[in-house]
């Protein structure tokens, strides 16, 4: 586990935003990420491209975004 418990994703495309989750695209794969698992979720809006997003290590592992 990383020291910060956050995984930093670059080049994120925010496809859709709901009250409870983000649909993002990373490396040509789409993933639903709960807002509760995103650092500073109010910083992102639908249509954001090339965003840097920090998500919890737990959800990153669940979504196979890290080993």
Protein backbone atom coordinates (compact mmCIF):
# COMPACT_ATOMS: atom_id res chain seq x y z
CA UNK A 1 0.00 0.00 0.00
CA UNK A 2 1.29 3.46 -0.77
CA UNK A 3 2.15 5.82 2.05
CA UNK A 4 -0.68 8.19 1.12
CA UNK A 5 -3.32 5.54 0.29
CA UNK A 6 -4.06 7.49 -2.92
CA UNK A 7 -3.31 6.49 -6.48
CA UNK A 8 -2.77 9.32 -8.96
CA UNK A 9 -4.17 8.83 -12.45
CA UNK A 10 -3.13 11.03 -15.36
CA UNK A 11 -4.84 11.59 -18.70
CA UNK A 12 -8.30 10.91 -17.28
CA UNK A 13 -11.37 11.68 -19.39
CA UNK A 14 -14.46 12.36 -17.26
CA UNK A 15 -17.26 10.95 -19.40
CA UNK A 16 -20.17 11.32 -16.99
CA UNK A 17 -20.78 12.71 -13.52
CA UNK A 18 -23.66 11.66 -11.25
CA UNK A 19 -24.45 12.52 -7.65
CA UNK A 20 -22.69 9.34 -6.55
CA UNK A 21 -20.03 8.47 -9.14
CA UNK A 22 -17.81 9.38 -12.06
CA UNK A 23 -17.61 7.43 -15.30
CA UNK A 24 -14.02 7.88 -16.39
CA UNK A 25 -11.87 6.62 -19.21
CA UNK A 26 -8.25 5.69 -18.52
CA UNK A 27 -6.04 3.88 -21.04
CA UNK A 28 -9.04 3.27 -23.34
CA UNK A 29 -11.01 1.55 -20.55
CA UNK A 30 -14.09 2.93 -18.80
CA UNK A 31 -14.61 2.67 -15.04
CA UNK A 32 -17.28 3.85 -12.61
CA UNK A 33 -15.57 5.42 -9.59
CA UNK A 34 -17.64 6.38 -6.53
CA UNK A 35 -17.33 10.06 -5.58
CA UNK A 36 -16.45 8.95 -2.05
CA UNK A 37 -13.29 7.34 -3.44
CA UNK A 38 -12.04 10.46 -5.26
CA UNK A 39 -9.93 13.20 -3.69
CA UNK A 40 -11.60 16.59 -4.15
CA UNK A 41 -14.55 15.26 -6.20
CA UNK A 42 -16.00 18.75 -6.70
CA UNK A 43 -12.95 19.63 -8.82
CA UNK A 44 -14.18 17.49 -11.76
CA UNK A 45 -16.96 18.01 -14.24
CA UNK A 46 -18.36 16.06 -17.15
CA UNK A 47 -16.23 16.48 -20.24
CA UNK A 48 -12.94 17.16 -18.46
CA UNK A 49 -10.06 15.80 -20.55
CA UNK A 50 -6.45 15.06 -19.63
CA UNK A 51 -7.38 15.45 -15.96
CA UNK A 52 -5.25 14.23 -13.09
CA UNK A 53 -7.40 12.40 -10.55
CA UNK A 54 -6.47 10.86 -7.22
CA UNK A 55 -8.50 7.85 -6.14
CA UNK A 56 -8.17 5.56 -3.16
CA UNK A 57 -5.77 2.69 -3.51
CA UNK A 58 -8.60 0.32 -2.58
CA UNK A 59 -10.82 1.29 -5.53
CA UNK A 60 -7.82 1.41 -7.87
CA UNK A 61 -7.11 -2.23 -7.03
CA UNK A 62 -10.79 -3.17 -7.38
CA UNK A 63 -10.84 -1.62 -10.88
CA UNK A 64 -7.47 -3.17 -11.83
CA UNK A 65 -5.92 0.26 -12.29
CA UNK A 66 -2.86 -0.82 -10.27
CA UNK A 67 -1.18 -4.12 -9.48
